[in-house]
Amino acid sequence: MILFNHHKKTIESGLKHVSKLYHRTNYLSLNLDFSIPANHIASVIIEFVDSIPNEVILETTSNTGRPAYHPAMMLNILLFAYSRRVFSGRKIERMLEENLPMMIGADNRKISYHTINNFRSSDHADKVIKQCFVYFTSLLEDEGLIRENQFLSMVLRLKRTPTGTLLSGEKLLRSIMPS
């Protein structure tokens, strides 16, 4: 019986200690609002991509084989990554895991770098991205956020032919303008 009383006292003193700790604990409130502000670049990109007609985005989507990711979602991913100056497929994949605006643009899906690279190397994606460039630039010009042809002058400095010579403005416009 003495052995039992000794354990009982030990248990009671342990419970009092736990009770004291419980009352001294600070509570941490978690913000579970996983949204981004309306003026965030990711929100602007998502809104812009959503404004593109489905006929343009779904132009060459195949109805056979494994269902592909929606091209609008893939476009959201690429445009946001490009806005952050991330061009590597593996780095874009890492952004999908770590970056909240990127997760929202991808509908919280895990997409491999292989899928990202396959999408952006397709002829359809190349055409849509070029059209988006033209439409987005004209939208920014209409809103007065950039001067006319401001993007063109920046691209002229960067766009080079395989021989290393700069493309003329007219040739560049023909290469990115929708046909």
C-alpha atoms as a PDB file:
ATOM      1  CA  MET A   1       0.000   0.000   0.000  1.00  0.00           C
ATOM      2  CA  ILE A   2       2.869   2.376   0.712  1.00  0.00           C
ATOM      3  CA  LEU A   3       4.240   1.720  -2.759  1.00  0.00           C
ATOM      4  CA  PHE A   4       0.880   2.617  -4.260  1.00  0.00           C
ATOM      5  CA  ASN A   5       0.618   5.869  -2.257  1.00  0.00           C
ATOM      6  CA  HIS A   6       4.095   6.869  -3.372  1.00  0.00           C
ATOM      7  CA  HIS A   7       3.125   6.455  -7.053  1.00  0.00           C
ATOM      8  CA  LYS A   8      -0.159   8.248  -6.433  1.00  0.00           C
ATOM      9  CA  LYS A   9       1.688  11.279  -5.013  1.00  0.00           C
ATOM     10  CA  THR A  10       4.107  11.252  -7.935  1.00  0.00           C
ATOM     11  CA  ILE A  11       1.253  11.138 -10.430  1.00  0.00           C
ATOM     12  CA  GLU A  12      -0.662  13.912  -8.625  1.00  0.00           C
ATOM     13  CA  SER A  13       2.386  16.177  -8.495  1.00  0.00           C
ATOM     14  CA  GLY A  14       2.982  15.491 -12.203  1.00  0.00           C
ATOM     15  CA  LEU A  15      -0.618  16.412 -13.018  1.00  0.00           C
ATOM     16  CA  LYS A  16      -0.323  19.671 -11.049  1.00  0.00           C
ATOM     17  CA  HIS A  17       2.832  20.499 -12.991  1.00  0.00           C
ATOM     18  CA  VAL A  18       1.089  19.802 -16.316  1.00  0.00           C
ATOM     19  CA  SER A  19      -1.901  21.870 -15.185  1.00  0.00           C
ATOM     20  CA  LYS A  20       0.376  24.825 -14.379  1.00  0.00           C
ATOM     21  CA  LEU A  21       2.072  24.524 -17.762  1.00  0.00           C
ATOM     22  CA  TYR A  22      -1.288  24.380 -19.504  1.00  0.00           C
ATOM     23  CA  HIS A  23      -2.406  27.667 -17.963  1.00  0.00           C
ATOM     24  CA  ARG A  24       0.884  29.392 -18.788  1.00  0.00           C
ATOM     25  CA  THR A  25       0.775  28.425 -22.452  1.00  0.00           C
ATOM     26  CA  ASN A  26       0.368  31.223 -24.967  1.00  0.00           C
ATOM     27  CA  TYR A  27      -1.986  30.474 -27.791  1.00  0.00           C
ATOM     28  CA  LEU A  28      -0.865  30.944 -31.353  1.00  0.00           C
ATOM     29  CA  SER A  29      -3.540  31.961 -33.801  1.00  0.00           C
ATOM     30  CA  LEU A  30      -2.967  30.783 -37.339  1.00  0.00           C
ATOM     31  CA  ASN A  31      -4.020  32.756 -40.360  1.00  0.00           C
ATOM     32  CA  LEU A  32      -5.502  30.200 -42.720  1.00  0.00           C
ATOM     33  CA  ASP A  33      -6.403  32.721 -45.407  1.00  0.00           C
ATOM     34  CA  PHE A  34      -4.466  31.438 -48.400  1.00  0.00           C
ATOM     35  CA  SER A  35      -5.292  34.176 -50.862  1.00  0.00           C
ATOM     36  CA  ILE A  36      -3.359  36.888 -52.599  1.00  0.00           C
ATOM     37  CA  PRO A  37      -4.284  40.565 -52.936  1.00  0.00           C
ATOM     38  CA  ALA A  38      -6.158  41.681 -56.047  1.00  0.00           C
ATOM     39  CA  ASN A  39      -3.302  43.996 -57.049  1.00  0.00           C
ATOM     40  CA  HIS A  40      -0.672  41.221 -56.875  1.00  0.00           C
ATOM     41  CA  ILE A  41       0.985  40.395 -60.212  1.00  0.00           C
ATOM     42  CA  ALA A  42      -0.273  36.783 -59.962  1.00  0.00           C
ATOM     43  CA  SER A  43      -3.875  38.020 -59.670  1.00  0.00           C
ATOM     44  CA  VAL A  44      -3.398  40.279 -62.682  1.00  0.00           C
ATOM     45  CA  ILE A  45      -1.923  37.395 -64.706  1.00  0.00           C
ATOM     46  CA  ILE A  46      -4.731  35.021 -63.715  1.00  0.00           C
ATOM     47  CA  GLU A  47      -7.352  37.634 -64.635  1.00  0.00           C
ATOM     48  CA  PHE A  48      -5.606  38.313 -67.939  1.00  0.00           C
ATOM     49  CA  VAL A  49      -5.371  34.609 -68.864  1.00  0.00           C
ATOM     50  CA  ASP A  50      -9.024  34.109 -67.898  1.00  0.00           C
ATOM     51  CA  SER A  51      -9.966  36.899 -70.328  1.00  0.00           C
ATOM     52  CA  ILE A  52      -8.413  35.027 -73.276  1.00  0.00           C
ATOM     53  CA  PRO A  53     -11.133  33.255 -75.286  1.00  0.00           C
ATOM     54  CA  ASN A  54     -11.193  29.461 -74.932  1.00  0.00           C
ATOM     55  CA  GLU A  55     -11.047  29.119 -78.725  1.00  0.00           C
ATOM     56  CA  VAL A  56      -7.536  30.583 -78.649  1.00  0.00           C
ATOM     57  CA  ILE A  57      -6.329  28.574 -75.664  1.00  0.00           C
ATOM     58  CA  LEU A  58      -7.921  25.242 -76.553  1.00  0.00           C
ATOM     59  CA  GLU A  59      -7.234  25.477 -80.280  1.00  0.00           C
ATOM     60  CA  THR A  60      -5.143  22.306 -80.660  1.00  0.00           C
ATOM     61  CA  THR A  61      -6.023  20.383 -77.505  1.00  0.00           C
ATOM     62  CA  SER A  62      -6.167  16.659 -78.180  1.00  0.00           C
ATOM     63  CA  ASN A  63      -9.196  14.614 -77.147  1.00  0.00           C
ATOM     64  CA  THR A  64      -7.274  11.347 -77.009  1.00  0.00           C
ATOM     65  CA  GLY A  65      -4.741  10.004 -74.531  1.00  0.00           C
ATOM     66  CA  ARG A  66      -4.258  11.000 -70.928  1.00  0.00           C
ATOM     67  CA  PRO A  67      -6.087  14.238 -70.043  1.00  0.00           C
ATOM     68  CA  ALA A  68      -3.645  17.127 -70.166  1.00  0.00           C
ATOM     69  CA  TYR A  69      -3.443  20.030 -67.763  1.00  0.00           C
ATOM     70  CA  HIS A  70      -5.583  22.927 -68.922  1.00  0.00           C
ATOM     71  CA  PRO A  71      -3.502  25.238 -71.139  1.00  0.00           C
ATOM     72  CA  ALA A  72      -4.783  28.315 -69.266  1.00  0.00           C
ATOM     73  CA  MET A  73      -3.383  26.948 -66.009  1.00  0.00           C
ATOM     74  CA  MET A  74      -0.056  26.168 -67.678  1.00  0.00           C
ATOM     75  CA  LEU A  75      -0.035  29.680 -69.124  1.00  0.00           C
ATOM     76  CA  ASN A  76      -0.645  31.141 -65.637  1.00  0.00           C
ATOM     77  CA  ILE A  77       2.354  29.189 -64.364  1.00  0.00           C
ATOM     78  CA  LEU A  78       4.661  30.260 -67.177  1.00  0.00           C
ATOM     79  CA  LEU A  79       3.683  33.935 -67.186  1.00  0.00           C
ATOM     80  CA  PHE A  80       4.093  34.232 -63.412  1.00  0.00           C
ATOM     81  CA  ALA A  81       7.447  32.432 -63.502  1.00  0.00           C
ATOM     82  CA  TYR A  82       8.627  34.647 -66.355  1.00  0.00           C
ATOM     83  CA  SER A  83       7.510  37.738 -64.416  1.00  0.00           C
ATOM     84  CA  ARG A  84       9.858  36.583 -61.638  1.00  0.00           C
ATOM     85  CA  ARG A  85      12.649  35.967 -64.161  1.00  0.00           C
ATOM     86  CA  VAL A  86      12.531  32.213 -63.639  1.00  0.00           C
ATOM     87  CA  PHE A  87      12.973  30.291 -66.872  1.00  0.00           C
ATOM     88  CA  SER A  88      14.280  26.863 -65.841  1.00  0.00           C
ATOM     89  CA  GLY A  89      11.693  24.072 -65.797  1.00  0.00           C
ATOM     90  CA  ARG A  90      13.113  22.667 -62.550  1.00  0.00           C
ATOM     91  CA  LYS A  91      13.050  26.086 -60.876  1.00  0.00           C
ATOM     92  CA  ILE A  92       9.455  26.599 -62.015  1.00  0.00           C
ATOM     93  CA  GLU A  93       8.594  23.193 -60.529  1.00  0.00           C
ATOM     94  CA  ARG A  94      10.220  24.276 -57.239  1.00  0.00           C
ATOM     95  CA  MET A  95       8.208  27.518 -57.312  1.00  0.00           C
ATOM     96  CA  LEU A  96       5.042  25.406 -57.583  1.00  0.00           C
ATOM     97  CA  GLU A  97       5.989  23.753 -54.289  1.00  0.00           C
ATOM     98  CA  GLU A  98       7.164  26.832 -52.366  1.00  0.00           C
ATOM     99  CA  ASN A  99       5.420  29.920 -53.739  1.00  0.00           C
ATOM    100  CA  LEU A 100       1.817  30.626 -52.660  1.00  0.00           C
ATOM    101  CA  PRO A 101       0.821  32.783 -55.677  1.00  0.00           C
ATOM    102  CA  MET A 102       2.232  30.107 -57.978  1.00  0.00           C
ATOM    103  CA  MET A 103       0.257  27.400 -56.135  1.00  0.00           C
ATOM    104  CA  ILE A 104      -2.933  29.432 -56.551  1.00  0.00           C
ATOM    105  CA  GLY A 105      -2.269  29.918 -60.269  1.00  0.00           C
ATOM    106  CA  ALA A 106      -1.751  26.157 -60.638  1.00  0.00           C
ATOM    107  CA  ASP A 107      -4.872  25.244 -58.647  1.00  0.00           C
ATOM    108  CA  ASN A 108      -2.541  23.625 -56.080  1.00  0.00           C
ATOM    109  CA  ARG A 109      -1.446  20.916 -58.517  1.00  0.00           C
ATOM    110  CA  LYS A 110       2.011  19.378 -58.576  1.00  0.00           C
ATOM    111  CA  ILE A 111       3.351  19.570 -62.114  1.00  0.00           C
ATOM    112  CA  SER A 112       6.709  18.130 -63.104  1.00  0.00           C
ATOM    113  CA  TYR A 113       9.380  20.097 -64.907  1.00  0.00           C
ATOM    114  CA  HIS A 114       9.054  17.612 -67.776  1.00  0.00           C
ATOM    115  CA  THR A 115       5.382  18.539 -68.295  1.00  0.00           C
ATOM    116  CA  ILE A 116       6.193  22.255 -68.029  1.00  0.00           C
ATOM    117  CA  ASN A 117       8.973  21.965 -70.611  1.00  0.00           C
ATOM    118  CA  ASN A 118       6.822  19.868 -72.957  1.00  0.00           C
ATOM    119  CA  PHE A 119       4.036  22.454 -72.805  1.00  0.00           C
ATOM    120  CA  ARG A 120       6.202  25.479 -73.456  1.00  0.00           C
ATOM    121  CA  SER A 121       8.091  23.773 -76.280  1.00  0.00           C
ATOM    122  CA  SER A 122       4.873  22.901 -78.127  1.00  0.00           C
ATOM    123  CA  ASP A 123       3.952  24.924 -81.206  1.00  0.00           C
ATOM    124  CA  HIS A 124       0.564  25.792 -79.721  1.00  0.00           C
ATOM    125  CA  ALA A 125       2.064  27.222 -76.507  1.00  0.00           C
ATOM    126  CA  ASP A 126       4.632  29.181 -78.501  1.00  0.00           C
ATOM    127  CA  LYS A 127       1.847  30.754 -80.569  1.00  0.00           C
ATOM    128  CA  VAL A 128      -0.339  31.504 -77.521  1.00  0.00           C
ATOM    129  CA  ILE A 129       2.556  33.033 -75.549  1.00  0.00           C
ATOM    130  CA  LYS A 130       3.401  35.320 -78.480  1.00  0.00           C
ATOM    131  CA  GLN A 131      -0.254  36.374 -78.769  1.00  0.00           C
ATOM    132  CA  CYS A 132      -0.372  36.992 -75.007  1.00  0.00           C
ATOM    133  CA  PHE A 133       2.687  39.213 -75.288  1.00  0.00           C
ATOM    134  CA  VAL A 134       0.989  41.359 -77.925  1.00  0.00           C
ATOM    135  CA  TYR A 135      -2.372  41.505 -76.114  1.00  0.00           C
ATOM    136  CA  PHE A 136      -0.842  42.171 -72.700  1.00  0.00           C
ATOM    137  CA  THR A 137       1.399  44.909 -74.103  1.00  0.00           C
ATOM    138  CA  SER A 138      -1.553  46.610 -75.798  1.00  0.00           C
ATOM    139  CA  LEU A 139      -3.574  46.289 -72.578  1.00  0.00           C
ATOM    140  CA  LEU A 140      -0.788  47.998 -70.609  1.00  0.00           C
ATOM    141  CA  GLU A 141      -0.541  50.725 -73.261  1.00  0.00           C
ATOM    142  CA  ASP A 142      -4.322  51.277 -73.200  1.00  0.00           C
ATOM    143  CA  GLU A 143      -4.244  51.591 -69.410  1.00  0.00           C
ATOM    144  CA  GLY A 144      -1.390  54.104 -69.657  1.00  0.00           C
ATOM    145  CA  LEU A 145       0.957  51.912 -67.641  1.00  0.00           C
ATOM    146  CA  ILE A 146       3.637  51.869 -70.343  1.00  0.00           C
ATOM    147  CA  ARG A 147       4.473  54.104 -73.286  1.00  0.00           C
ATOM    148  CA  GLU A 148       3.737  52.917 -76.796  1.00  0.00           C
ATOM    149  CA  ASN A 149       6.359  50.436 -78.051  1.00  0.00           C
ATOM    150  CA  GLN A 150       8.219  50.493 -74.714  1.00  0.00           C
ATOM    151  CA  PHE A 151       8.233  46.686 -74.546  1.00  0.00           C
ATOM    152  CA  LEU A 152       9.264  46.485 -78.177  1.00  0.00           C
ATOM    153  CA  SER A 153      12.412  48.505 -77.517  1.00  0.00           C
ATOM    154  CA  MET A 154      13.306  46.244 -74.577  1.00  0.00           C
ATOM    155  CA  VAL A 155      12.720  43.104 -76.625  1.00  0.00           C
ATOM    156  CA  LEU A 156      14.726  44.508 -79.524  1.00  0.00           C
ATOM    157  CA  ARG A 157      17.735  44.663 -77.228  1.00  0.00           C
ATOM    158  CA  LEU A 158      17.255  41.038 -76.199  1.00  0.00           C
ATOM    159  CA  LYS A 159      15.894  39.284 -79.287  1.00  0.00           C
ATOM    160  CA  ARG A 160      18.711  38.042 -81.482  1.00  0.00           C
ATOM    161  CA  THR A 161      18.856  35.787 -84.479  1.00  0.00           C
ATOM    162  CA  PRO A 162      20.956  32.588 -84.350  1.00  0.00           C
ATOM    163  CA  THR A 163      23.814  34.520 -85.981  1.00  0.00           C
ATOM    164  CA  GLY A 164      23.784  37.047 -83.128  1.00  0.00           C
ATOM    165  CA  THR A 165      22.431  40.056 -85.033  1.00  0.00           C
ATOM    166  CA  LEU A 166      19.488  42.027 -83.739  1.00  0.00           C
ATOM    167  CA  LEU A 167      16.170  41.598 -85.518  1.00  0.00           C
ATOM    168  CA  SER A 168      14.678  44.727 -87.003  1.00  0.00           C
ATOM    169  CA  GLY A 169      11.497  46.012 -85.369  1.00  0.00           C
ATOM    170  CA  GLU A 170       9.379  45.016 -88.357  1.00  0.00           C
ATOM    171  CA  LYS A 171      10.735  41.434 -88.442  1.00  0.00           C
ATOM    172  CA  LEU A 172      10.292  41.120 -84.684  1.00  0.00           C
ATOM    173  CA  LEU A 173       6.693  42.297 -84.879  1.00  0.00           C
ATOM    174  CA  ARG A 174       6.008  39.797 -87.663  1.00  0.00           C
ATOM    175  CA  SER A 175       7.517  37.009 -85.536  1.00  0.00           C
ATOM    176  CA  ILE A 176       5.319  37.759 -82.506  1.00  0.00           C
ATOM    177  CA  MET A 177       2.128  39.093 -84.100  1.00  0.00           C
ATOM    178  CA  PRO A 178      -0.741  36.620 -84.395  1.00  0.00           C
ATOM    179  CA  SER A 179      -1.239  35.470 -87.982  1.00  0.00           C
END
